[in-house]
Amino acid sequence: MANEIKAYILMAVEIGKTDLVVAELRKIDAAIRVAVTTGEYDIVVLVEVPSLEALYDLTVDHIHKIPGIADTTTAVVEKMISV
C-alpha cells in the first residue's frame, strides 16, 4: 500500500490472558508485529491499514472485543525512519 496508515496499539491485558490475546491478534491480517512487553503495557501490536477509518473499525470492531484486553492506547505513526 502506497499511502497506508501504520499505528501502534498498546494494550493493558488482564492477568493470565496474555497468550489468549496474542492468539487472537495473530488472526488479524492488518497486524504486522505483536510484541509482549514489560511495563505499563503488556502487548504492543503494529498494524497497517488503508485509512484512519479502517483503523477505527479495526480497533472498535475487533481489538476492543478481544476478551482479556483491559485498556488500549493507539499511536498513529506519522513518520517511519529506517536505521
Protein backbone atom coordinates (compact mmCIF):
# COMPACT_ATOMS: atom_id res chain seq x y z
CA MET A 1 0.00 0.00 0.00
CA ALA A 2 1.43 3.33 -1.01
CA ASN A 3 -0.46 5.52 1.47
CA GLU A 4 -1.09 3.04 4.24
CA ILE A 5 -1.64 4.10 7.84
CA LYS A 6 0.56 2.42 10.44
CA ALA A 7 -0.23 2.56 14.14
CA TYR A 8 0.99 1.03 17.35
CA ILE A 9 -1.77 -0.23 19.59
CA LEU A 10 -0.57 -0.52 23.18
CA MET A 11 -2.59 -2.83 25.41
CA ALA A 12 -3.02 -3.49 29.08
CA VAL A 13 -4.06 -7.13 29.48
CA GLU A 14 -5.79 -8.88 32.36
CA ILE A 15 -3.53 -11.16 34.39
CA GLY A 16 -3.30 -14.61 32.85
CA LYS A 17 -4.82 -13.58 29.49
CA THR A 18 -1.69 -12.68 27.51
CA ASP A 19 -1.50 -15.91 25.48
CA LEU A 20 -5.21 -15.71 24.62
CA VAL A 21 -4.89 -12.10 23.46
CA VAL A 22 -1.78 -12.85 21.38
CA ALA A 23 -3.55 -15.79 19.71
CA GLU A 24 -6.46 -13.53 18.76
CA LEU A 25 -4.20 -10.75 17.49
CA ARG A 26 -2.36 -13.21 15.25
CA LYS A 27 -5.65 -13.76 13.40
CA ILE A 28 -5.82 -10.10 12.32
CA ASP A 29 -4.45 -9.61 8.81
CA ALA A 30 -3.58 -5.96 9.48
CA ALA A 31 -1.30 -6.92 12.38
CA ILE A 32 2.33 -6.72 11.23
CA ARG A 33 4.08 -7.37 14.55
CA VAL A 34 2.93 -8.38 18.02
CA ALA A 35 5.25 -7.83 20.98
CA VAL A 36 4.77 -8.92 24.57
CA THR A 37 6.37 -6.22 26.71
CA THR A 38 7.06 -5.21 30.29
CA GLY A 39 5.98 -2.01 31.97
CA GLU A 40 2.71 -0.11 31.66
CA TYR A 41 1.63 -2.01 28.54
CA ASP A 42 1.61 -5.79 28.24
CA ILE A 43 1.28 -6.09 24.47
CA VAL A 44 2.15 -3.75 21.62
CA VAL A 45 0.86 -4.51 18.13
CA LEU A 46 1.90 -2.73 14.94
CA VAL A 47 -0.94 -2.57 12.42
CA GLU A 48 -1.14 -1.37 8.83
CA VAL A 49 -4.48 -0.26 7.36
CA PRO A 50 -5.54 1.71 4.28
CA SER A 51 -7.17 4.63 6.14
CA LEU A 52 -7.91 6.17 9.52
CA GLU A 53 -11.48 4.93 9.16
CA ALA A 54 -10.15 1.38 8.73
CA LEU A 55 -8.01 1.88 11.86
CA TYR A 56 -11.10 2.96 13.77
CA ASP A 57 -13.04 -0.09 12.53
CA LEU A 58 -10.16 -2.42 13.42
CA THR A 59 -9.84 -1.09 16.97
CA VAL A 60 -13.54 -0.72 17.77
CA ASP A 61 -14.96 -3.73 15.93
CA HIS A 62 -12.14 -6.22 16.51
CA ILE A 63 -9.43 -5.38 19.02
CA HIS A 64 -11.71 -3.91 21.69
CA LYS A 65 -13.82 -7.06 21.55
CA ILE A 66 -10.94 -9.44 22.34
CA PRO A 67 -11.50 -10.93 25.81
CA GLY A 68 -8.71 -10.08 28.23
CA ILE A 69 -7.82 -6.63 26.92
CA ALA A 70 -8.39 -4.17 29.76
CA ASP A 71 -7.30 -0.94 28.03
CA THR A 72 -5.74 0.31 24.79
CA THR A 73 -3.86 3.35 23.58
CA THR A 74 -3.37 3.91 19.86
CA ALA A 75 -0.41 5.85 18.48
CA VAL A 76 -0.59 6.64 14.75
CA VAL A 77 2.80 6.62 13.06
CA GLU A 78 3.50 9.98 11.44
CA LYS A 79 6.87 9.04 10.00
CA MET A 80 8.74 5.72 9.89
CA ILE A 81 12.52 6.00 9.83
CA SER A 82 14.86 3.20 8.83
CA VAL A 83 18.10 2.92 10.81
